[in-house]
Amino acid sequence: MPAVNLAAIRRRLLSWYETHKRDLPWRRTSDPYAIWISETMLQQTQVSTVIPYYNRFMKAFPNIEALDRAPLSQVLALWSGLGYYRRAENLKKTARILAARHGARLPDDAKNLSALPGIGDYSAGAILSIAFGKPHPAVDGNTRRVLARLFLLSGERKLRDAALRLVSKSSPGKFNQGLMELGSVVCTPKNPRCAECPVASSCSTYGYGPRPSTRPARKAAQTRAVTWPLAIARCHGKLLLRRRTAEGILAGLWEFPGGENASPHPFQSLFEGHLAGIENSGARAIGEISHAITNRRIRAPVFLVELAPAAQARFDRPSWRWVTPAALRHYPTSSMTRKAFRLLAEYEKSHP
């Protein structure tokens, strides 16, 4: 790590953060619970996407006790559309542990925090510094990029050591948020706005062409094109949902019947599989949606199927359920199901 004036960097960054920080709901509190929820939601998810989910979640579950008492289905329903559902499951598991062993409070030490489901080094650092005022680094992707460029470093160990040396002792929470904010809005992966950077005068790469990456280049994951037909089955105004198994992608979520299928006739494949032997009084293609899950690039043709009344009795198993359109939002559904439902609403507006 180059010999630089760390105190000057801290001072400039904190001053810049106080002036330029975005007004985000989780920055208006130092409640450890609220910080934990926000940091969990922000993992691999953009700030603009998180804000409405955070506000709804905190209104429904304002503290650890409320989250512990809530059914997992209710937690997942409020998480629907945010993706990476294991995060929501870990929140529920951790709330149970906190209620049972920690007096419904988050621990204020790294060892006990990091032992909780879903809380790694970064989340622990964010909670400890922001909520408890402890000088613990919080190294996320934005922070790595800033440190790699600022000190011309590479490698996780060197970057973490730099973060540990640099973190402010007096205002660690604001400092860590300042580093993340700087990486998010100024020191961006492409076309960084160096002229606006408060620590440009101390930056090892300022004015020197291509800037270092924070990690070795990875081989791009292979994606594959997938056809995934969906059936919006309707009977007496209610829609048919199916619950996925507890394992595999989209585990435990409710969705419209369908799935990955290599058949050249996607509509026929639905009735040969999920809706086999069901009498229907009309079916039509209403459009197509695009989606991506892990390594799948999905094309999902959507069909509206009007089922005869007798069909309802065929789906009385726990993994199937008839729901009204208004009740759909209370179920933990996949993003693809939500897209298909919006497509249905648009279709019926244009085809009254």
Protein backbone atom coordinates (compact mmCIF):
# COMPACT_ATOMS: atom_id res chain seq x y z
CA MET A 1 0.00 0.00 0.00
CA PRO A 2 1.58 3.34 -1.04
CA ALA A 3 2.61 5.87 1.60
CA VAL A 4 -0.24 8.39 1.54
CA ASN A 5 -1.92 10.69 4.01
CA LEU A 6 -4.77 8.46 5.21
CA ALA A 7 -6.12 11.14 7.53
CA ALA A 8 -6.52 13.55 4.60
CA ILE A 9 -8.38 10.90 2.58
CA ARG A 10 -10.73 10.23 5.48
CA ARG A 11 -11.38 13.92 6.01
CA ARG A 12 -12.10 14.66 2.33
CA LEU A 13 -14.30 11.61 1.87
CA LEU A 14 -16.39 12.32 4.99
CA SER A 15 -16.86 15.93 3.95
CA TRP A 16 -17.88 14.90 0.43
CA TYR A 17 -20.31 12.28 1.77
CA GLU A 18 -22.05 14.73 4.08
CA THR A 19 -22.65 17.05 1.13
CA HIS A 20 -23.42 14.59 -1.66
CA LYS A 21 -24.99 11.51 -0.05
CA ARG A 22 -28.30 10.34 -1.44
CA ASP A 23 -31.32 10.57 0.83
CA LEU A 24 -32.11 6.89 1.34
CA PRO A 25 -34.59 5.59 3.94
CA TRP A 26 -32.09 3.36 5.76
CA ARG A 27 -29.75 6.33 6.18
CA ARG A 28 -32.28 8.06 8.41
CA THR A 29 -31.79 5.54 11.22
CA SER A 30 -29.08 3.78 13.18
CA ASP A 31 -31.39 0.92 14.22
CA PRO A 32 -29.32 -2.28 13.80
CA TYR A 33 -32.41 -4.18 12.59
CA ALA A 34 -33.17 -1.63 9.85
CA ILE A 35 -29.52 -1.60 8.76
CA TRP A 36 -29.48 -5.41 8.60
CA ILE A 37 -32.63 -5.52 6.45
CA SER A 38 -31.35 -2.86 4.07
CA GLU A 39 -27.92 -4.41 3.66
CA THR A 40 -29.47 -7.81 2.96
CA MET A 41 -31.76 -6.36 0.31
CA LEU A 42 -28.93 -4.40 -1.30
CA GLN A 43 -26.87 -7.52 -1.98
CA GLN A 44 -26.74 -7.84 -5.79
CA THR A 45 -29.70 -5.48 -6.15
CA GLN A 46 -29.84 -1.85 -7.26
CA VAL A 47 -30.74 0.87 -4.76
CA SER A 48 -33.68 2.13 -6.81
CA THR A 49 -35.18 -1.37 -6.83
CA VAL A 50 -34.68 -1.90 -3.10
CA ILE A 51 -36.32 1.32 -1.79
CA PRO A 52 -40.02 0.33 -2.20
CA TYR A 53 -39.36 -3.22 -0.98
CA TYR A 54 -37.53 -1.90 2.08
CA ASN A 55 -40.34 0.49 2.97
CA ARG A 56 -43.02 -2.21 2.65
CA PHE A 57 -40.94 -4.76 4.56
CA MET A 58 -40.23 -2.40 7.47
CA LYS A 59 -43.89 -1.42 7.70
CA ALA A 60 -44.95 -5.08 7.87
CA PHE A 61 -42.09 -6.25 10.13
CA PRO A 62 -40.83 -3.24 12.13
CA ASN A 63 -38.61 -5.29 14.44
CA ILE A 64 -37.05 -8.69 15.01
CA GLU A 65 -39.99 -9.96 17.05
CA ALA A 66 -42.44 -9.17 14.24
CA LEU A 67 -40.24 -10.88 11.67
CA ASP A 68 -39.84 -13.92 13.90
CA ARG A 69 -43.62 -14.25 14.38
CA ALA A 70 -44.46 -13.86 10.69
CA PRO A 71 -45.05 -16.95 8.53
CA LEU A 72 -42.33 -17.55 5.95
CA SER A 73 -44.98 -17.33 3.23
CA GLN A 74 -45.76 -13.74 4.26
CA VAL A 75 -42.07 -12.81 4.26
CA LEU A 76 -41.59 -14.34 0.81
CA ALA A 77 -44.71 -12.59 -0.49
CA LEU A 78 -43.26 -9.21 0.44
CA TRP A 79 -39.95 -10.26 -1.11
CA SER A 80 -41.57 -11.37 -4.40
CA GLY A 81 -39.87 -9.76 -7.36
CA LEU A 82 -36.69 -8.85 -5.47
CA GLY A 83 -34.96 -12.10 -6.45
CA TYR A 84 -32.38 -14.26 -4.65
CA TYR A 85 -35.06 -15.61 -2.31
CA ARG A 86 -32.55 -17.39 -0.11
CA ARG A 87 -31.87 -13.95 1.40
CA ALA A 88 -35.45 -13.76 2.69
CA GLU A 89 -35.25 -17.29 4.07
CA ASN A 90 -32.03 -16.41 5.89
CA LEU A 91 -33.66 -13.31 7.38
CA LYS A 92 -36.39 -15.52 8.81
CA LYS A 93 -33.90 -18.07 10.17
CA THR A 94 -31.80 -15.36 11.75
CA ALA A 95 -34.82 -13.69 13.35
CA ARG A 96 -35.66 -17.02 14.99
CA ILE A 97 -32.12 -17.38 16.33
CA LEU A 98 -32.03 -13.80 17.58
CA ALA A 99 -35.36 -14.16 19.35
CA ALA A 100 -34.35 -17.45 20.96
CA ARG A 101 -30.71 -16.75 21.90
CA HIS A 102 -29.97 -13.03 21.76
CA GLY A 103 -32.98 -11.32 23.31
CA ALA A 104 -34.27 -10.30 19.86
CA ARG A 105 -31.21 -8.10 19.34
CA LEU A 106 -28.40 -8.21 16.79
CA PRO A 107 -25.01 -8.92 18.40
CA ASP A 108 -22.50 -6.06 18.37
CA ASP A 109 -19.43 -8.20 17.70
CA ALA A 110 -18.14 -9.66 14.43
CA LYS A 111 -17.87 -13.27 15.62
CA ASN A 112 -21.50 -13.64 16.68
CA LEU A 113 -22.84 -11.57 13.80
CA SER A 114 -20.96 -13.57 11.15
CA ALA A 115 -22.26 -16.82 12.64
CA LEU A 116 -25.84 -15.89 11.72
CA PRO A 117 -27.40 -17.18 8.46
CA GLY A 118 -26.85 -14.82 5.54
CA ILE A 119 -24.49 -12.44 7.37
CA GLY A 120 -21.00 -12.50 5.89
CA ASP A 121 -17.97 -10.25 6.39
CA TYR A 122 -19.44 -7.38 4.42
CA SER A 123 -22.85 -7.38 6.10
CA ALA A 124 -21.24 -7.74 9.52
CA GLY A 125 -18.93 -4.80 8.78
CA ALA A 126 -21.80 -2.62 7.60
CA ILE A 127 -23.94 -3.40 10.66
CA LEU A 128 -21.07 -2.96 13.13
CA SER A 129 -19.91 0.35 11.67
CA ILE A 130 -23.25 1.96 10.78
CA ALA A 131 -25.42 0.72 13.65
CA PHE A 132 -22.87 0.30 16.44
CA GLY A 133 -20.19 2.84 15.48
CA LYS A 134 -17.38 0.28 15.52
CA PRO A 135 -14.34 0.81 13.23
CA HIS A 136 -14.92 -2.29 11.13
CA PRO A 137 -14.45 -2.23 7.33
CA ALA A 138 -17.37 -3.06 5.04
CA VAL A 139 -15.91 -4.19 1.74
CA ASP A 140 -18.42 -4.57 -1.08
CA GLY A 141 -17.88 -4.39 -4.84
CA ASN A 142 -17.94 -0.58 -4.91
CA THR A 143 -15.44 -0.34 -2.05
CA ARG A 144 -13.10 -2.84 -3.70
CA ARG A 145 -13.06 -0.80 -6.90
CA VAL A 146 -12.34 2.48 -5.09
CA LEU A 147 -9.52 0.96 -3.03
CA ALA A 148 -8.00 -0.86 -6.01
CA ARG A 149 -7.77 2.39 -7.96
CA LEU A 150 -6.87 4.63 -5.05
CA PHE A 151 -3.93 2.53 -3.87
CA LEU A 152 -3.20 0.53 -7.05
CA LEU A 153 -3.90 -2.76 -5.30
CA SER A 154 -5.21 -6.16 -6.30
CA GLY A 155 -6.09 -9.27 -4.35
CA GLU A 156 -8.69 -9.65 -1.64
CA ARG A 157 -6.22 -9.75 1.23
CA LYS A 158 -4.48 -6.50 0.25
CA LEU A 159 -7.77 -4.73 -0.38
CA ARG A 160 -9.16 -5.78 2.98
CA ASP A 161 -5.97 -4.71 4.75
CA ALA A 162 -6.25 -1.30 3.07
CA ALA A 163 -9.89 -1.00 4.14
CA LEU A 164 -8.96 -1.89 7.73
CA ARG A 165 -6.20 0.75 7.85
CA LEU A 166 -8.31 3.40 6.19
CA VAL A 167 -11.61 3.09 8.05
CA SER A 168 -12.37 6.08 10.24
CA LYS A 169 -12.20 5.47 13.99
CA SER A 170 -14.51 8.36 14.83
CA SER A 171 -17.18 7.97 12.10
CA PRO A 172 -16.82 4.44 10.71
CA GLY A 173 -20.42 4.13 9.53
CA LYS A 174 -20.42 7.35 7.55
CA PHE A 175 -16.96 6.59 6.21
CA ASN A 176 -17.92 3.11 4.95
CA GLN A 177 -21.08 4.48 3.38
CA GLY A 178 -19.00 7.25 1.82
CA LEU A 179 -16.67 4.73 0.16
CA MET A 180 -19.64 2.77 -1.17
CA GLU A 181 -21.35 5.94 -2.35
CA LEU A 182 -18.18 7.09 -4.10
CA GLY A 183 -17.92 3.78 -5.95
CA SER A 184 -21.60 3.84 -6.85
CA VAL A 185 -21.90 7.36 -8.27
CA VAL A 186 -18.37 8.64 -9.08
CA CYS A 187 -15.75 5.86 -9.23
CA THR A 188 -17.95 3.74 -11.49
CA PRO A 189 -16.76 0.62 -13.35
CA LYS A 190 -16.80 2.42 -16.70
CA ASN A 191 -16.17 6.10 -17.36
CA PRO A 192 -15.46 7.17 -13.77
CA ARG A 193 -16.00 10.88 -13.12
CA CYS A 194 -12.53 11.52 -11.69
CA ALA A 195 -12.89 15.31 -11.84
CA GLU A 196 -15.66 15.04 -9.23
CA CYS A 197 -13.74 12.71 -6.90
CA PRO A 198 -12.89 14.18 -3.48
CA VAL A 199 -9.75 12.02 -3.18
CA ALA A 200 -8.47 12.34 -6.75
CA SER A 201 -5.30 14.12 -5.58
CA SER A 202 -4.36 11.01 -3.57
CA CYS A 203 -5.38 8.47 -6.21
CA SER A 204 -2.60 6.31 -7.67
CA THR A 205 -4.43 5.92 -10.99
CA TYR A 206 -5.79 9.44 -11.52
CA GLY A 207 -5.00 10.58 -15.04
CA TYR A 208 -3.39 7.30 -16.10
CA GLY A 209 -5.61 5.77 -18.75
CA PRO A 210 -7.18 2.35 -18.05
CA ARG A 211 -7.81 1.78 -14.38
CA PRO A 212 -7.33 -1.54 -12.62
CA SER A 213 -10.11 -3.98 -12.07
CA THR A 214 -10.83 -5.10 -8.53
CA ARG A 215 -10.72 -8.78 -9.38
CA PRO A 216 -9.20 -11.02 -12.04
CA ALA A 217 -11.31 -11.25 -15.14
CA ARG A 218 -13.72 -14.16 -15.02
CA LYS A 219 -14.83 -16.25 -17.91
CA ALA A 220 -18.37 -15.26 -18.74
CA ALA A 221 -20.91 -17.85 -17.61
CA GLN A 222 -22.46 -19.78 -20.44
CA THR A 223 -26.13 -18.98 -20.90
CA ARG A 224 -28.62 -21.02 -22.84
CA ALA A 225 -31.81 -20.07 -24.58
CA VAL A 226 -34.87 -21.70 -23.06
CA THR A 227 -38.53 -21.89 -24.02
CA TRP A 228 -40.75 -21.84 -20.93
CA PRO A 229 -44.48 -21.84 -21.81
CA LEU A 230 -46.88 -20.58 -19.15
CA ALA A 231 -50.60 -21.18 -18.78
CA ILE A 232 -52.81 -18.65 -17.03
CA ALA A 233 -55.65 -21.04 -16.23
CA ARG A 234 -58.85 -19.28 -15.21
CA CYS A 235 -62.14 -20.57 -13.83
CA HIS A 236 -64.96 -18.41 -12.46
CA GLY A 237 -62.57 -15.45 -12.35
CA LYS A 238 -59.97 -17.27 -10.24
CA LEU A 239 -56.45 -18.08 -11.41
CA LEU A 240 -54.60 -21.35 -10.89
CA LEU A 241 -51.26 -21.29 -9.07
CA ARG A 242 -48.82 -24.12 -8.53
CA ARG A 243 -46.21 -24.19 -5.79
CA ARG A 244 -42.72 -25.27 -6.75
CA THR A 245 -40.88 -27.87 -4.71
CA ALA A 246 -38.57 -26.90 -1.85
CA GLU A 247 -35.48 -27.65 -3.93
CA GLY A 248 -34.04 -26.22 -7.12
CA ILE A 249 -34.58 -22.84 -8.76
CA LEU A 250 -37.44 -20.68 -7.49
CA ALA A 251 -37.84 -23.13 -4.60
CA GLY A 252 -41.14 -22.86 -2.74
CA LEU A 253 -42.56 -20.03 -4.85
CA TRP A 254 -46.03 -19.98 -6.39
CA GLU A 255 -46.32 -19.65 -10.17
CA PHE A 256 -48.55 -20.17 -13.16
CA PRO A 257 -48.35 -23.74 -14.51
CA GLY A 258 -45.57 -24.22 -17.02
CA GLY A 259 -41.88 -24.82 -17.19
CA GLU A 260 -38.83 -25.34 -19.31
CA ASN A 261 -39.77 -27.34 -22.40
CA ALA A 262 -37.97 -28.26 -25.59
CA SER A 263 -41.16 -29.05 -27.50
CA PRO A 264 -41.63 -27.12 -30.79
CA HIS A 265 -45.32 -26.81 -29.78
CA PRO A 266 -45.30 -25.04 -26.37
CA PHE A 267 -49.09 -24.81 -26.04
CA GLN A 268 -49.52 -28.53 -26.67
CA SER A 269 -46.78 -29.30 -24.15
CA LEU A 270 -48.76 -27.60 -21.37
CA PHE A 271 -51.72 -29.89 -21.89
CA GLU A 272 -49.56 -32.96 -22.20
CA GLY A 273 -47.96 -32.14 -18.84
CA HIS A 274 -49.32 -29.77 -16.21
CA LEU A 275 -52.91 -29.64 -17.46
CA ALA A 276 -53.21 -33.12 -18.89
CA GLY A 277 -56.77 -34.38 -19.25
CA ILE A 278 -58.35 -31.05 -18.31
CA GLU A 279 -61.37 -29.92 -20.24
CA ASN A 280 -61.13 -26.32 -21.37
CA SER A 281 -63.60 -24.09 -23.10
CA GLY A 282 -61.11 -21.87 -24.84
CA ALA A 283 -57.43 -21.09 -24.97
CA ARG A 284 -55.46 -18.40 -26.73
CA ALA A 285 -51.95 -17.03 -26.93
CA ILE A 286 -51.86 -13.58 -25.32
CA GLY A 287 -48.21 -12.69 -25.80
CA GLU A 288 -44.69 -13.50 -24.72
CA ILE A 289 -42.34 -12.39 -21.98
CA SER A 290 -38.57 -12.50 -21.62
CA HIS A 291 -36.81 -13.36 -18.41
CA ALA A 292 -33.50 -14.62 -17.05
CA ILE A 293 -32.88 -17.07 -14.21
CA THR A 294 -29.31 -18.12 -13.31
CA ASN A 295 -27.86 -19.27 -16.65
CA ARG A 296 -31.17 -19.42 -18.53
CA ARG A 297 -32.27 -16.82 -21.05
CA ILE A 298 -36.00 -17.48 -21.15
CA ARG A 299 -38.62 -16.91 -23.83
CA ALA A 300 -41.99 -17.56 -22.25
CA PRO A 301 -45.06 -17.71 -24.50
CA VAL A 302 -48.14 -17.08 -22.34
CA PHE A 303 -51.52 -18.70 -22.92
CA LEU A 304 -54.84 -17.81 -21.32
CA VAL A 305 -56.86 -20.96 -20.74
CA GLU A 306 -60.51 -20.85 -19.68
CA LEU A 307 -61.19 -24.05 -17.73
CA ALA A 308 -64.54 -25.71 -17.26
CA PRO A 309 -65.96 -25.62 -13.67
CA ALA A 310 -65.23 -29.31 -13.14
CA ALA A 311 -61.52 -28.56 -13.42
CA GLN A 312 -61.39 -26.90 -10.01
CA ALA A 313 -61.85 -30.20 -8.23
CA ARG A 314 -58.85 -31.63 -10.06
CA PHE A 315 -56.51 -29.24 -8.28
CA ASP A 316 -57.27 -29.80 -4.60
CA ARG A 317 -53.73 -30.79 -3.60
CA PRO A 318 -51.65 -28.52 -1.29
CA SER A 319 -49.31 -27.60 -4.14
CA TRP A 320 -52.18 -26.13 -6.22
CA ARG A 321 -54.43 -23.23 -5.39
CA TRP A 322 -57.15 -21.11 -7.00
CA VAL A 323 -56.81 -17.43 -6.14
CA THR A 324 -58.51 -14.22 -7.15
CA PRO A 325 -56.40 -11.71 -9.09
CA ALA A 326 -56.58 -9.34 -6.10
CA ALA A 327 -55.18 -12.02 -3.78
CA LEU A 328 -52.24 -12.83 -6.03
CA ARG A 329 -50.07 -10.15 -4.40
CA HIS A 330 -50.32 -11.94 -1.05
CA TYR A 331 -48.50 -14.99 -2.44
CA PRO A 332 -44.73 -15.34 -2.82
CA THR A 333 -44.59 -15.54 -6.61
CA SER A 334 -41.73 -15.64 -9.07
CA SER A 335 -40.87 -12.52 -11.07
CA MET A 336 -41.84 -14.39 -14.23
CA THR A 337 -45.33 -15.02 -12.85
CA ARG A 338 -45.69 -11.33 -12.00
CA LYS A 339 -44.64 -10.41 -15.54
CA ALA A 340 -47.19 -12.86 -16.98
CA PHE A 341 -49.94 -11.38 -14.81
CA ARG A 342 -49.10 -7.87 -16.02
CA LEU A 343 -49.20 -9.18 -19.57
CA LEU A 344 -52.71 -10.55 -18.93
CA ALA A 345 -53.86 -7.16 -17.60
CA GLU A 346 -52.46 -5.40 -20.67
CA TYR A 347 -54.01 -7.95 -22.99
CA GLU A 348 -57.48 -7.60 -21.47
CA LYS A 349 -57.30 -3.82 -21.67
CA SER A 350 -56.70 -4.04 -25.40
CA HIS A 351 -59.17 -6.93 -25.90
CA PRO A 352 -62.24 -5.94 -23.82
